[in-house]
């Protein structure tokens, strides 16, 4: 009954007067809602996509504005379901990280880059694989899914957080030493009983700025920036996990834009070099530039964004992107929705709430400025 009322409200808002008009325009929305959109986790209790869509469209005063907004949703929206994200998590190691480790072993043992089978059977690979530590950067890293999908990795290699106590660090090193002693070809040198590669895992980046950025005072901020600062300064227990002169830092993002990948490759290379380490950025699913909505592409949409924008959504944190939020943080211009939350790099019209805006996919903000 509630679904029928929501569909009736949508038809009323859009001015669809005949059943055929609903079939022409609303049927595909019903299918999308059932297939994906209803699973969005930030809808209020009892809310579903069609109802949220009708109420969102209803905020626009003119019927032409509503048609433009609906066309944007139907043609540009990218919704990543929980199952799709879990698939990206599951293939991250076998399809991307493991081949990278194999290529490293092949280069170090003098094997051809095309002889990956021989590298995989080499004792050097088993050692290097065990000397790889996987650390989550946020809840989005889904380390539980990652661990279950890669049972060949030790449980102790995959940690939920990149922040650890001295006791946890000592336990990781003890377990590493025990496991390495069981592998053929392992060197007795105690310096080898540390982690050689650290893989930092996270779900998404639209600009790269939340991972590495330099503040006005020259201090490096961001999740990865702070992590590398800890290693460089030696002030955190995690520094004893690695030998800096042989350390490789690999940042793995399950999804990222081309812009974020380019930005992070450059900034991570510089910071890792300052620590005496090497680096690599791996993106499992890349979002091309064509997925961005840039001002001027759709003049009718630009007019709606300008007219209904509410600057009250801006905070000190969002201003780090150097733009307002009309086209998202740092002008990302995405139309991306993740099943658990909407990135603030997406067009503000989709997720921002306020006295002048109503969101289609409400967003939970991680960082809230205090007054």
Protein backbone atom coordinates (compact mmCIF):
# COMPACT_ATOMS: atom_id res chain seq x y z
CA UNK A 1 0.00 0.00 0.00
CA UNK A 2 2.79 2.41 0.90
CA UNK A 3 4.57 1.66 -2.40
CA UNK A 4 1.38 2.46 -4.29
CA UNK A 5 0.99 5.76 -2.45
CA UNK A 6 4.62 6.64 -3.24
CA UNK A 7 4.07 5.86 -6.92
CA UNK A 8 0.89 7.96 -6.92
CA UNK A 9 2.79 10.84 -5.29
CA UNK A 10 5.55 10.57 -7.91
CA UNK A 11 3.00 10.64 -10.73
CA UNK A 12 1.35 13.68 -9.18
CA UNK A 13 4.64 15.54 -8.74
CA UNK A 14 5.67 14.82 -12.35
CA UNK A 15 2.25 15.54 -13.82
CA UNK A 16 1.78 12.06 -15.27
CA UNK A 17 -1.95 11.87 -15.92
CA UNK A 18 -2.35 8.54 -17.69
CA UNK A 19 -1.22 4.99 -16.82
CA UNK A 20 0.80 4.93 -20.04
CA UNK A 21 2.86 7.94 -18.91
CA UNK A 22 3.76 6.12 -15.71
CA UNK A 23 4.69 3.03 -17.69
CA UNK A 24 6.88 5.12 -19.99
CA UNK A 25 8.69 6.99 -17.22
CA UNK A 26 8.05 5.37 -13.85
CA UNK A 27 8.41 1.66 -14.58
CA UNK A 28 12.18 1.83 -15.01
CA UNK A 29 12.40 3.72 -11.71
CA UNK A 30 10.46 0.94 -9.98
CA UNK A 31 12.87 -1.62 -11.40
CA UNK A 32 15.94 0.37 -10.31
CA UNK A 33 14.47 0.81 -6.84
CA UNK A 34 13.84 -2.92 -6.44
CA UNK A 35 17.18 -3.90 -7.97
CA UNK A 36 19.42 -1.49 -6.04
CA UNK A 37 18.24 1.86 -4.76
CA UNK A 38 15.95 0.64 -1.96
CA UNK A 39 18.97 -0.86 -0.19
CA UNK A 40 20.48 2.57 0.54
CA UNK A 41 21.32 2.41 4.23
CA UNK A 42 20.83 6.08 5.13
CA UNK A 43 17.16 6.29 4.24
CA UNK A 44 15.08 6.95 7.35
CA UNK A 45 13.14 3.95 8.75
CA UNK A 46 10.36 2.97 6.37
CA UNK A 47 11.62 5.23 3.57
CA UNK A 48 12.22 3.79 0.12
CA UNK A 49 13.64 5.24 -3.06
CA UNK A 50 10.40 6.10 -4.90
CA UNK A 51 9.06 8.04 -1.91
CA UNK A 52 12.38 9.84 -1.43
CA UNK A 53 12.48 10.64 -5.16
CA UNK A 54 8.96 12.08 -5.16
CA UNK A 55 9.67 14.29 -2.15
CA UNK A 56 13.01 15.37 -3.64
CA UNK A 57 11.46 16.29 -6.98
CA UNK A 58 8.66 18.11 -5.18
CA UNK A 59 11.08 20.74 -3.87
CA UNK A 60 11.60 22.09 -7.39
CA UNK A 61 8.98 24.69 -8.20
CA UNK A 62 8.75 24.31 -11.97
CA UNK A 63 7.76 21.15 -13.82
CA UNK A 64 10.66 21.67 -16.25
CA UNK A 65 13.08 21.69 -13.32
CA UNK A 66 11.61 18.40 -12.12
CA UNK A 67 11.99 16.85 -15.56
CA UNK A 68 15.62 17.98 -15.74
CA UNK A 69 16.36 16.59 -12.27
CA UNK A 70 14.67 13.27 -13.04
CA UNK A 71 16.59 12.95 -16.32
CA UNK A 72 19.83 13.52 -14.39
CA UNK A 73 18.95 10.69 -12.00
CA UNK A 74 17.92 8.28 -14.78
CA UNK A 75 20.90 8.95 -17.06
CA UNK A 76 23.81 9.89 -14.80
CA UNK A 77 23.34 8.22 -11.43
CA UNK A 78 25.85 5.48 -10.49
CA UNK A 79 24.72 3.33 -7.56
CA UNK A 80 27.16 0.79 -6.14
CA UNK A 81 25.39 -1.93 -4.20
CA UNK A 82 26.84 -3.75 -1.21
CA UNK A 83 27.26 -6.90 -3.34
CA UNK A 84 29.16 -4.97 -6.01
CA UNK A 85 31.47 -3.36 -3.46
CA UNK A 86 32.10 -6.71 -1.78
CA UNK A 87 33.04 -8.11 -5.19
CA UNK A 88 35.64 -5.36 -5.62
CA UNK A 89 37.00 -6.16 -2.16
CA UNK A 90 37.17 -9.87 -3.00
CA UNK A 91 39.13 -9.42 -6.23
CA UNK A 92 41.51 -6.77 -4.89
CA UNK A 93 44.12 -9.29 -3.75
CA UNK A 94 44.03 -12.05 -6.42
CA UNK A 95 43.60 -9.69 -9.38
CA UNK A 96 45.70 -6.69 -8.32
CA UNK A 97 47.85 -7.04 -5.20
CA UNK A 98 49.10 -10.60 -5.71
CA UNK A 99 50.22 -9.95 -9.33
CA UNK A 100 52.12 -6.91 -8.06
CA UNK A 101 53.90 -9.02 -5.42
CA UNK A 102 54.65 -11.68 -8.04
CA UNK A 103 56.21 -9.11 -10.36
CA UNK A 104 58.40 -7.93 -7.47
CA UNK A 105 59.61 -11.47 -6.79
CA UNK A 106 60.21 -12.10 -10.48
CA UNK A 107 62.36 -8.98 -10.75
CA UNK A 108 64.32 -9.83 -7.58
CA UNK A 109 64.98 -13.44 -8.62
CA UNK A 110 65.80 -12.70 -12.26
CA UNK A 111 62.73 -14.39 -13.70
CA UNK A 112 60.93 -13.10 -16.77
CA UNK A 113 57.89 -10.94 -16.03
CA UNK A 114 55.90 -13.40 -18.14
CA UNK A 115 56.83 -16.41 -15.97
CA UNK A 116 54.45 -15.62 -13.10
CA UNK A 117 53.74 -19.31 -12.51
CA UNK A 118 57.40 -19.95 -11.70
CA UNK A 119 57.47 -16.90 -9.44
CA UNK A 120 54.35 -18.09 -7.59
CA UNK A 121 55.97 -21.46 -6.83
CA UNK A 122 59.23 -19.88 -5.65
CA UNK A 123 59.91 -19.86 -1.88
CA UNK A 124 60.75 -16.16 -2.22
CA UNK A 125 57.12 -15.42 -3.06
CA UNK A 126 55.75 -17.27 -0.03
CA UNK A 127 58.13 -15.28 2.14
CA UNK A 128 57.24 -11.97 0.54
CA UNK A 129 53.52 -12.73 0.74
CA UNK A 130 53.78 -13.45 4.48
CA UNK A 131 55.84 -10.29 4.97
CA UNK A 132 52.95 -8.22 3.62
CA UNK A 133 50.71 -6.48 6.15
CA UNK A 134 47.18 -5.31 5.28
CA UNK A 135 45.75 -2.41 7.27
CA UNK A 136 42.33 -0.80 7.02
CA UNK A 137 42.07 2.99 6.86
CA UNK A 138 38.36 3.17 7.76
CA UNK A 139 35.22 1.08 8.13
CA UNK A 140 35.01 1.18 4.34
CA UNK A 141 38.11 -1.02 4.05
CA UNK A 142 35.89 -4.05 4.77
CA UNK A 143 38.76 -6.06 6.18
CA UNK A 144 36.32 -8.78 7.26
CA UNK A 145 35.26 -9.37 3.65
CA UNK A 146 38.87 -9.07 2.47
CA UNK A 147 40.05 -11.67 4.99
CA UNK A 148 37.31 -14.19 4.18
CA UNK A 149 37.97 -13.85 0.45
CA UNK A 150 41.70 -14.60 0.86
CA UNK A 151 42.02 -17.57 3.15
CA UNK A 152 45.57 -18.21 1.97
CA UNK A 153 46.61 -15.12 3.94
CA UNK A 154 47.27 -15.39 7.65
CA UNK A 155 44.55 -14.00 9.90
CA UNK A 156 47.26 -11.93 11.60
CA UNK A 157 48.23 -10.20 8.35
CA UNK A 158 44.91 -8.38 7.97
CA UNK A 159 44.14 -5.74 10.59
CA UNK A 160 41.05 -3.57 10.83
CA UNK A 161 42.94 -0.38 11.72
CA UNK A 162 46.28 1.25 10.91
CA UNK A 163 46.51 2.47 14.51
CA UNK A 164 47.98 -0.12 16.88
CA UNK A 165 49.27 -0.40 20.43
CA UNK A 166 52.77 -1.54 21.33
CA UNK A 167 51.36 -4.83 22.58
CA UNK A 168 49.61 -5.50 19.27
CA UNK A 169 52.77 -4.63 17.31
CA UNK A 170 54.87 -7.04 19.36
CA UNK A 171 52.29 -9.79 18.86
CA UNK A 172 52.30 -9.25 15.07
CA UNK A 173 56.10 -9.50 14.94
CA UNK A 174 56.13 -12.65 17.07
CA UNK A 175 53.54 -14.31 14.84
CA UNK A 176 55.47 -13.25 11.75
CA UNK A 177 58.68 -14.74 13.12
CA UNK A 178 56.94 -18.02 13.91
CA UNK A 179 55.38 -18.31 10.46
CA UNK A 180 58.56 -17.37 8.59
CA UNK A 181 60.52 -20.03 10.47
CA UNK A 182 58.25 -22.64 8.89
CA UNK A 183 58.90 -21.49 5.32
CA UNK A 184 61.75 -22.91 3.19
CA UNK A 185 64.34 -20.40 2.07
CA UNK A 186 63.72 -17.93 4.89
CA UNK A 187 66.88 -16.13 6.02
CA UNK A 188 67.93 -16.31 9.64
CA UNK A 189 68.80 -12.60 9.78
CA UNK A 190 66.50 -10.96 12.35
CA UNK A 191 66.27 -7.87 10.13
CA UNK A 192 64.26 -9.97 7.70
CA UNK A 193 61.64 -10.72 10.34
CA UNK A 194 59.74 -7.51 9.74
CA UNK A 195 57.07 -6.60 7.21
CA UNK A 196 58.40 -5.63 3.81
CA UNK A 197 55.16 -4.37 2.24
CA UNK A 198 52.28 -2.55 3.94
CA UNK A 199 48.99 -2.43 2.03
CA UNK A 200 46.60 0.32 3.13
CA UNK A 201 42.99 -0.52 2.24
CA UNK A 202 40.00 1.77 1.77
CA UNK A 203 36.80 1.94 -0.25
CA UNK A 204 36.72 5.18 -2.21
CA UNK A 205 38.50 8.42 -3.09
CA UNK A 206 37.13 11.20 -5.26
CA UNK A 207 39.92 13.77 -4.94
CA UNK A 208 42.69 12.16 -2.87
CA UNK A 209 42.78 15.15 -0.50
CA UNK A 210 41.44 13.24 2.50
CA UNK A 211 44.39 10.84 2.29
CA UNK A 212 47.34 13.17 1.82
CA UNK A 213 47.39 16.95 2.12
CA UNK A 214 49.79 19.59 3.37
CA UNK A 215 48.47 22.06 5.90
CA UNK A 216 49.42 25.73 5.98
CA UNK A 217 52.10 25.09 8.60
CA UNK A 218 53.74 22.46 6.38
CA UNK A 219 52.51 19.53 8.47
CA UNK A 220 51.21 16.62 6.41
CA UNK A 221 47.60 15.67 7.11
CA UNK A 222 45.22 13.00 5.88
CA UNK A 223 45.01 9.30 6.77
CA UNK A 224 47.98 8.18 4.68
CA UNK A 225 49.94 11.37 5.31
CA UNK A 226 49.79 10.82 9.06
CA UNK A 227 50.72 7.16 8.68
CA UNK A 228 53.86 8.03 6.71
CA UNK A 229 54.69 10.80 9.18
CA UNK A 230 54.62 8.22 11.99
CA UNK A 231 57.07 6.04 10.07
CA UNK A 232 59.38 8.93 9.23
CA UNK A 233 59.45 10.34 12.76
CA UNK A 234 59.55 6.97 14.52
CA UNK A 235 57.14 8.14 17.20
CA UNK A 236 54.54 5.38 16.81
CA UNK A 237 54.76 1.70 17.81
CA UNK A 238 54.05 0.73 14.18
CA UNK A 239 57.52 1.90 13.11
CA UNK A 240 59.07 -1.24 14.59
CA UNK A 241 57.05 -3.34 12.14
CA UNK A 242 59.18 -2.23 9.19
CA UNK A 243 62.71 -1.64 7.96
CA UNK A 244 62.33 1.76 6.30
CA UNK A 245 65.04 1.20 3.69
CA UNK A 246 63.18 -1.83 2.24
CA UNK A 247 59.59 -0.78 2.91
CA UNK A 248 57.00 -0.53 0.15
CA UNK A 249 53.73 1.31 0.83
CA UNK A 250 50.81 0.23 -1.37
CA UNK A 251 47.56 2.17 -1.22
CA UNK A 252 44.64 0.10 -2.49
CA UNK A 253 41.31 1.77 -3.20
CA UNK A 254 38.36 -0.34 -4.24
CA UNK A 255 37.01 2.64 -6.22
CA UNK A 256 38.56 5.99 -7.18
CA UNK A 257 38.40 8.64 -9.86
CA UNK A 258 41.17 9.15 -12.38
CA UNK A 259 41.91 12.50 -10.73
CA UNK A 260 42.31 10.91 -7.29
CA UNK A 261 44.61 8.22 -8.68
CA UNK A 262 46.87 10.80 -10.33
CA UNK A 263 46.93 13.03 -7.25
CA UNK A 264 47.69 10.18 -4.87
CA UNK A 265 50.40 8.66 -7.09
CA UNK A 266 52.31 11.94 -7.07
CA UNK A 267 51.86 12.82 -3.39
CA UNK A 268 52.40 9.28 -2.08
CA UNK A 269 55.59 8.92 -4.11
CA UNK A 270 57.02 12.11 -2.56
CA UNK A 271 56.10 11.23 1.02
CA UNK A 272 57.23 7.62 0.78
CA UNK A 273 60.53 8.81 -0.72
CA UNK A 274 61.03 11.10 2.28
CA UNK A 275 60.80 7.98 4.47
CA UNK A 276 63.20 5.99 2.30
CA UNK A 277 60.35 3.80 1.08
CA UNK A 278 58.81 3.07 -2.31
CA UNK A 279 55.11 3.32 -3.12
CA UNK A 280 52.31 2.29 -5.45
CA UNK A 281 48.62 3.18 -5.83
CA UNK A 282 46.22 0.45 -6.97
CA UNK A 283 42.62 1.24 -7.96
CA UNK A 284 40.41 -1.80 -8.41
CA UNK A 285 37.53 0.05 -10.14
CA UNK A 286 38.43 3.36 -11.76
CA UNK A 287 35.82 6.03 -12.46
CA UNK A 288 36.74 7.82 -15.72
CA UNK A 289 36.48 11.57 -16.23
CA UNK A 290 33.33 11.01 -18.27
CA UNK A 291 31.41 10.18 -15.08
CA UNK A 292 31.90 13.71 -13.73
CA UNK A 293 29.32 16.44 -14.19
CA UNK A 294 31.09 19.69 -15.07
CA UNK A 295 29.49 23.13 -15.10
CA UNK A 296 28.48 24.00 -18.64
CA UNK A 297 27.72 20.42 -19.73
CA UNK A 298 24.06 20.63 -18.72
CA UNK A 299 22.94 24.29 -18.47
CA UNK A 300 19.45 23.38 -17.23
CA UNK A 301 20.94 21.33 -14.40
CA UNK A 302 23.42 24.12 -13.59
CA UNK A 303 20.48 26.51 -13.14
CA UNK A 304 18.78 24.14 -10.68
CA UNK A 305 21.98 23.60 -8.72
CA UNK A 306 22.52 27.36 -8.40
CA UNK A 307 18.91 28.14 -7.51
CA UNK A 308 18.44 25.57 -4.75
CA UNK A 309 21.95 25.46 -3.27
CA UNK A 310 22.21 25.96 0.49
CA UNK A 311 25.66 27.15 1.67
CA UNK A 312 24.85 26.05 5.23
CA UNK A 313 26.21 22.64 4.26
CA UNK A 314 29.72 24.07 4.01
CA UNK A 315 32.08 23.53 6.94
CA UNK A 316 35.77 24.05 7.70
CA UNK A 317 36.38 20.49 6.54
CA UNK A 318 34.61 20.90 3.19
CA UNK A 319 36.41 24.18 2.49
CA UNK A 320 39.68 22.21 2.35
CA UNK A 321 38.54 21.22 -1.14
CA UNK A 322 38.81 24.83 -2.30
CA UNK A 323 35.25 25.03 -3.67
CA UNK A 324 31.66 25.21 -2.50
CA UNK A 325 29.56 22.04 -2.55
CA UNK A 326 27.42 22.75 -5.60
CA UNK A 327 29.32 20.10 -7.52
CA UNK A 328 30.58 18.31 -4.43
CA UNK A 329 33.79 18.47 -2.41
CA UNK A 330 36.67 19.86 -4.51
CA UNK A 331 34.25 20.23 -7.41
CA UNK A 332 34.15 16.44 -7.85
CA UNK A 333 30.97 16.54 -9.92
CA UNK A 334 30.20 12.88 -9.32
CA UNK A 335 26.76 11.30 -9.36
CA UNK A 336 27.99 8.34 -7.30
CA UNK A 337 25.99 6.70 -4.52
CA UNK A 338 27.50 3.95 -2.37
CA UNK A 339 24.99 1.68 -0.66
CA UNK A 340 26.18 2.65 2.84
CA UNK A 341 26.61 6.41 2.23
CA UNK A 342 26.98 9.07 -0.45
CA UNK A 343 30.46 10.56 -1.05
CA UNK A 344 30.55 14.33 -0.62
CA UNK A 345 32.39 14.47 -3.96
CA UNK A 346 28.99 13.90 -5.57
CA UNK A 347 26.84 16.81 -6.72
CA UNK A 348 25.40 18.46 -3.62
CA UNK A 349 21.90 18.34 -5.01
CA UNK A 350 21.88 14.58 -4.44
CA UNK A 351 22.90 14.44 -0.78
CA UNK A 352 22.84 17.86 0.92
CA UNK A 353 20.02 18.87 3.29
CA UNK A 354 19.10 22.30 4.59
CA UNK A 355 16.48 25.01 4.73
CA UNK A 356 16.72 25.35 0.94
CA UNK A 357 17.66 21.81 -0.06
CA UNK A 358 16.19 18.34 0.35
CA UNK A 359 18.39 15.36 -0.38
CA UNK A 360 17.57 12.37 -2.52
CA UNK A 361 20.13 10.17 -0.75
CA UNK A 362 20.74 11.58 2.76
CA UNK A 363 24.41 11.55 3.72
CA UNK A 364 25.96 10.83 7.10
CA UNK A 365 28.89 13.19 7.62
CA UNK A 366 31.99 11.69 9.27
CA UNK A 367 33.69 14.96 10.15
CA UNK A 368 31.52 17.60 11.82
CA UNK A 369 32.92 20.98 12.77
CA UNK A 370 32.37 22.04 16.37
CA UNK A 371 31.20 25.53 17.25
